[in-house]
Protein backbone atom coordinates (compact mmCIF):
# COMPACT_ATOMS: atom_id res chain seq x y z
CA MET A 1 -197.29 100.32 -59.30
CA SER A 2 -193.91 99.44 -57.89
CA VAL A 3 -195.35 96.31 -56.24
CA SER A 4 -196.85 95.22 -59.57
CA MET A 5 -193.53 95.66 -61.38
CA SER A 6 -191.73 93.71 -58.66
CA ALA A 7 -194.16 90.80 -58.95
CA SER A 8 -193.82 90.82 -62.72
CA SER A 9 -190.05 90.82 -62.39
CA LEU A 10 -190.18 87.90 -59.98
CA ASN A 11 -192.46 85.93 -62.31
CA THR A 12 -190.13 86.58 -65.25
CA SER A 13 -187.09 85.58 -63.21
CA SER A 14 -188.80 82.39 -62.06
CA LEU A 15 -189.78 81.56 -65.64
CA LEU A 16 -186.21 82.07 -66.85
CA ARG A 17 -184.86 79.83 -64.09
CA ARG A 18 -187.33 77.06 -64.97
CA THR A 19 -186.49 77.39 -68.66
CA ALA A 20 -182.76 77.22 -67.96
CA LEU A 21 -183.27 74.17 -65.75
CA LEU A 22 -185.30 72.44 -68.44
CA LEU A 23 -182.64 73.14 -71.08
CA SER A 24 -179.92 71.84 -68.75
CA LEU A 25 -181.83 68.63 -68.09
CA THR A 26 -182.41 68.18 -71.81
CA LEU A 27 -178.70 68.67 -72.53
CA VAL A 28 -177.65 66.24 -69.80
CA THR A 29 -180.10 63.64 -71.09
CA SER A 30 -178.78 64.08 -74.62
CA ILE A 31 -175.16 63.70 -73.54
CA SER A 32 -175.80 60.74 -71.26
CA SER A 33 -177.65 58.86 -74.00
CA ALA A 34 -174.75 59.19 -76.46
CA VAL A 35 -172.32 56.29 -76.68
CA ALA A 36 -168.84 57.10 -75.38
CA PRO A 37 -165.93 56.26 -77.72
CA VAL A 38 -164.09 54.05 -75.23
CA GLN A 39 -162.73 50.53 -75.56
CA ALA A 40 -165.57 49.03 -73.51
CA ASN A 41 -168.00 50.17 -76.24
CA PHE A 42 -165.74 49.26 -79.17
CA THR A 43 -167.53 47.03 -81.68
CA MET A 44 -165.42 46.95 -84.82
CA GLY A 45 -162.43 48.56 -86.47
CA MET A 46 -162.42 49.15 -90.22
CA ASP A 47 -159.28 49.92 -92.22
CA ILE A 48 -159.28 51.75 -95.56
CA GLN A 49 -155.76 52.08 -96.99
CA GLY A 50 -154.40 52.21 -93.47
CA GLN A 51 -156.90 54.80 -92.26
CA ARG A 52 -158.85 53.56 -89.25
CA LEU A 53 -162.60 53.87 -88.65
CA ASN A 54 -163.92 52.78 -85.23
CA LEU A 55 -167.51 51.77 -84.56
CA TYR A 56 -168.89 51.94 -81.01
CA GLU A 57 -172.25 50.89 -79.56
CA SER A 58 -173.98 51.05 -76.20
CA CYS A 59 -177.20 49.05 -76.26
CA ALA A 60 -178.72 46.52 -73.91
CA GLU A 61 -177.31 43.02 -74.27
CA GLY A 62 -179.53 40.90 -76.48
CA SER A 63 -181.06 43.86 -78.32
CA VAL A 64 -182.05 43.07 -81.89
CA THR A 65 -181.65 46.66 -83.03
CA CYS A 66 -179.36 49.41 -81.76
CA ASN A 67 -179.74 53.13 -82.41
CA ASN A 68 -177.12 54.22 -79.88
CA MET A 69 -174.01 53.84 -82.02
CA LEU A 70 -171.11 56.09 -82.96
CA LEU A 71 -168.67 56.00 -85.86
CA VAL A 72 -165.37 57.78 -85.18
CA ALA A 73 -163.33 58.28 -88.33
CA PRO A 74 -161.22 60.64 -90.39
CA ASP A 75 -163.40 63.06 -92.36
CA LEU A 76 -165.20 60.59 -94.64
CA GLY A 77 -166.32 63.29 -97.03
CA ARG A 78 -162.63 63.78 -97.80
CA LEU A 79 -161.38 60.21 -97.35
CA LEU A 80 -163.83 58.58 -99.75
CA GLN A 81 -163.83 61.35 -102.35
CA THR A 82 -160.76 60.21 -104.24
CA THR A 83 -161.07 62.25 -107.44
CA PRO A 84 -159.95 65.72 -106.21
CA GLU A 85 -156.32 66.47 -105.41
CA PRO A 86 -155.56 65.29 -101.86
CA SER A 87 -155.24 68.02 -99.25
CA LYS A 88 -151.94 68.44 -97.41
CA SER A 89 -153.70 69.31 -94.16
CA PRO A 90 -154.26 66.55 -91.56
CA TYR A 91 -157.51 64.65 -91.49
CA ALA A 92 -160.00 65.98 -88.97
CA VAL A 93 -161.55 63.39 -86.65
CA LYS A 94 -165.32 63.26 -87.11
CA TYR A 95 -168.06 61.74 -84.96
CA TYR A 96 -171.00 60.26 -86.87
CA SER A 97 -174.16 59.04 -85.12
CA ALA A 98 -175.07 55.55 -86.32
CA GLU A 99 -177.62 52.79 -85.91
CA THR A 100 -178.28 49.27 -87.16
CA LYS A 101 -180.39 48.59 -90.24
CA HIS A 102 -182.61 45.52 -90.64
CA SER A 103 -185.05 44.27 -93.21
CA LEU A 104 -188.61 43.92 -91.92
CA CYS A 105 -190.45 40.67 -91.33
CA LYS A 106 -193.73 39.85 -93.07
CA ASP A 107 -195.71 41.91 -90.58
CA GLY A 108 -193.89 45.02 -91.84
CA VAL A 109 -192.91 46.02 -88.30
CA THR A 110 -190.65 43.40 -86.69
CA PRO A 111 -186.95 43.71 -87.65
CA CYS A 112 -185.59 40.59 -89.35
CA ARG A 113 -182.30 40.23 -91.24
CA PHE A 114 -179.42 42.48 -90.21
CA GLN A 115 -178.22 44.48 -93.23
CA GLY A 116 -175.56 46.75 -91.78
CA CYS A 117 -175.32 50.16 -90.13
CA THR A 118 -176.38 53.60 -91.28
CA PHE A 119 -174.65 56.80 -90.20
CA GLU A 120 -175.04 60.48 -90.93
CA GLY A 121 -172.69 63.37 -91.63
CA GLU A 122 -173.45 67.04 -92.12
CA ASP A 123 -173.54 66.74 -95.90
CA PHE A 124 -174.08 63.04 -96.54
CA ASP A 125 -175.78 59.83 -95.46
CA GLY A 126 -173.65 56.73 -95.08
CA PHE A 127 -174.00 52.98 -94.93
CA ILE A 128 -171.71 50.19 -93.70
CA ASP A 129 -172.40 46.98 -95.61
CA THR A 130 -170.94 44.36 -93.28
CA SER A 131 -171.64 41.47 -95.67
CA ASN A 132 -169.57 42.98 -98.50
CA HIS A 133 -167.15 44.92 -96.27
CA GLU A 134 -168.02 48.14 -98.04
CA ILE A 135 -168.68 51.63 -96.72
CA SER A 136 -170.47 54.20 -98.86
CA ILE A 137 -171.70 57.77 -98.58
CA ARG A 138 -174.35 59.64 -100.57
CA SER A 139 -174.51 63.42 -100.77
CA LYS A 140 -177.60 65.05 -99.31
CA TRP A 141 -177.51 67.80 -101.93
CA THR A 142 -176.31 66.15 -105.15
CA VAL A 143 -176.36 62.73 -106.82
CA ASP A 144 -172.71 62.09 -105.89
CA THR A 145 -171.89 58.80 -104.19
CA TYR A 146 -168.56 57.38 -103.04
CA SER A 147 -167.62 53.99 -101.68
CA ALA A 148 -164.63 51.92 -100.60
CA THR A 149 -164.00 48.44 -99.32
CA TYR A 150 -162.66 48.03 -95.81
CA LYS A 151 -160.81 45.35 -93.89
CA GLU A 152 -162.26 44.47 -90.52
CA ASN A 153 -159.76 44.76 -87.68
CA ALA A 154 -160.33 43.79 -84.05
CA THR A 155 -157.26 45.65 -82.76
CA TYR A 156 -158.31 48.72 -80.81
CA LEU A 157 -156.55 51.85 -82.06
CA PRO A 158 -158.40 54.97 -80.82
CA LEU A 159 -158.31 58.09 -82.96
CA ALA A 160 -159.18 60.77 -80.41
CA SER A 161 -158.35 59.41 -76.96
CA GLN A 162 -155.59 57.53 -75.14
CA ALA A 163 -152.90 59.53 -76.94
CA ALA A 164 -150.16 58.06 -74.73
CA LEU A 165 -151.14 54.54 -75.78
CA ILE A 166 -150.99 55.42 -79.47
CA ASP A 167 -147.64 57.20 -78.98
CA GLN A 168 -146.25 54.07 -77.36
CA ILE A 169 -147.54 51.75 -80.08
CA TYR A 170 -146.32 54.10 -82.81
CA ASN A 171 -142.81 54.39 -81.35
CA THR A 172 -142.57 50.61 -81.03
CA SER A 173 -143.85 50.19 -84.59
CA ASP A 174 -141.39 52.73 -85.98
CA LYS A 175 -138.41 51.09 -84.27
CA ALA A 176 -139.49 47.62 -85.41
CA LEU A 177 -139.86 48.76 -89.02
CA ASN A 178 -136.46 50.45 -89.07
CA GLU A 179 -134.80 47.40 -87.52
CA SER A 180 -136.49 45.03 -89.98
CA TYR A 181 -135.39 47.20 -92.88
CA ARG A 182 -131.80 47.36 -91.59
CA VAL A 183 -131.57 43.59 -91.09
CA THR A 184 -133.18 42.87 -94.47
CA ARG A 185 -130.91 45.26 -96.34
CA ASN A 186 -127.79 43.78 -94.75
CA GLU A 187 -128.95 40.28 -95.67
CA VAL A 188 -129.75 41.33 -99.24
CA ARG A 189 -126.29 42.90 -99.53
CA ARG A 190 -124.66 39.71 -98.23
CA LEU A 191 -126.63 37.41 -100.53
CA TYR A 192 -127.02 39.46 -103.72
CA GLY A 193 -124.60 42.38 -103.58
CA GLU A 194 -124.69 46.17 -103.41
CA ASP A 195 -126.87 46.71 -106.47
CA MET A 196 -129.74 44.70 -105.02
CA ALA A 197 -129.34 46.45 -101.67
CA ALA A 198 -129.55 49.79 -103.50
CA ASP A 199 -132.77 48.63 -105.17
CA LEU A 200 -134.25 47.83 -101.76
CA LYS A 201 -133.29 51.28 -100.49
CA LYS A 202 -134.94 52.89 -103.51
CA GLU A 203 -138.12 50.88 -102.99
CA GLN A 204 -138.19 51.76 -99.29
CA THR A 205 -137.87 55.46 -100.12
CA GLN A 206 -140.79 55.26 -102.54
CA TRP A 207 -142.83 53.34 -99.98
CA ILE A 208 -142.22 56.03 -97.34
CA LYS A 209 -143.43 58.71 -99.76
CA GLN A 210 -146.55 56.69 -100.56
CA ARG A 211 -147.23 56.14 -96.85
CA SER A 212 -147.11 59.90 -96.32
CA LYS A 213 -149.50 60.41 -99.22
CA ASN A 214 -151.99 57.87 -97.90
CA CYS A 215 -151.76 58.69 -94.20
CA GLY A 216 -150.71 62.33 -94.18
CA ALA A 217 -147.37 63.53 -92.79
CA ASP A 218 -145.07 66.53 -92.49
CA THR A 219 -142.26 67.36 -94.92
CA ASP A 220 -139.98 64.92 -93.08
CA HIS A 221 -142.53 62.12 -93.58
CA LEU A 222 -143.42 62.02 -89.89
CA PRO A 223 -147.00 61.84 -88.56
CA ARG A 224 -148.48 65.06 -87.20
CA THR A 225 -151.65 63.81 -85.51
CA GLN A 226 -152.99 60.76 -83.72
CA VAL A 227 -154.98 59.79 -86.81
CA GLU A 228 -151.79 59.78 -88.86
CA LYS A 229 -149.93 57.78 -86.21
CA VAL A 230 -152.64 55.12 -86.28
CA CYS A 231 -152.32 54.95 -90.06
CA PHE A 232 -148.52 54.69 -89.80
CA ILE A 233 -148.83 51.84 -87.28
CA GLN A 234 -150.90 49.79 -89.68
CA ARG A 235 -148.86 50.63 -92.76
CA ASN A 236 -145.64 49.72 -90.94
CA ALA A 237 -147.00 46.31 -89.96
CA LEU A 238 -147.96 45.54 -93.56
CA ARG A 239 -144.58 46.71 -94.83
CA GLU A 240 -142.66 44.46 -92.46
CA GLN A 241 -144.50 41.47 -93.90
CA THR A 242 -143.10 42.19 -97.38
CA PHE A 243 -139.40 42.29 -96.50
CA PHE A 244 -139.04 38.51 -96.65
CA LEU A 245 -139.71 38.68 -100.40
CA TRP A 246 -136.27 40.21 -100.87
CA ILE A 247 -134.45 37.23 -99.36
CA ASP A 248 -136.88 34.38 -100.07
């Protein structure tokens, strides 16, 4: 009896080990097949009101279709849903699996014209329309749909890696913006007087508040997360381009 129980125990133990090994191999295969969000796999950056979305792909060169893609972005369920009151908490970085979408040729099988990229979230399906520069999501549970236009951007600004790089770019951007504002205000004061300089200061204050609203920030209007720093970097660059209007 004891021998029989021992054999049964050994068989059970062996089965558990084989099952664990199979699960481990499955997990490793799953992880290794996923595209890594690194610059080498970076395909396209998309900007929506300063918020950055990064698309990555890892498919064989020359492939017509690609189902090994990844969209890294602020929570799109929150970003694109503009009707509710905006949350004061920082945007969470989300990872959405993605793939290309093509129309089919006459044979009904061969992929023909490239239409864009589909991606999937927990509660919605999404589509990137590269011809119209529009990104849209559709709820899986209701008839709600949301969309926004984006601006394509080739500059690589990661949202969830290379934090030191983003810190460096942000600090440089912040100093450049402050210096441009200081120089512009002094020039406006010299050319047009104190009242006009005061108007510029008022506009800059309102712009800072709006940047915090669009990007997210703490009570001192400073970014709290890497996502917010990336948004600040892009907003700052656009703001610098408008200063010349005050002295043109």
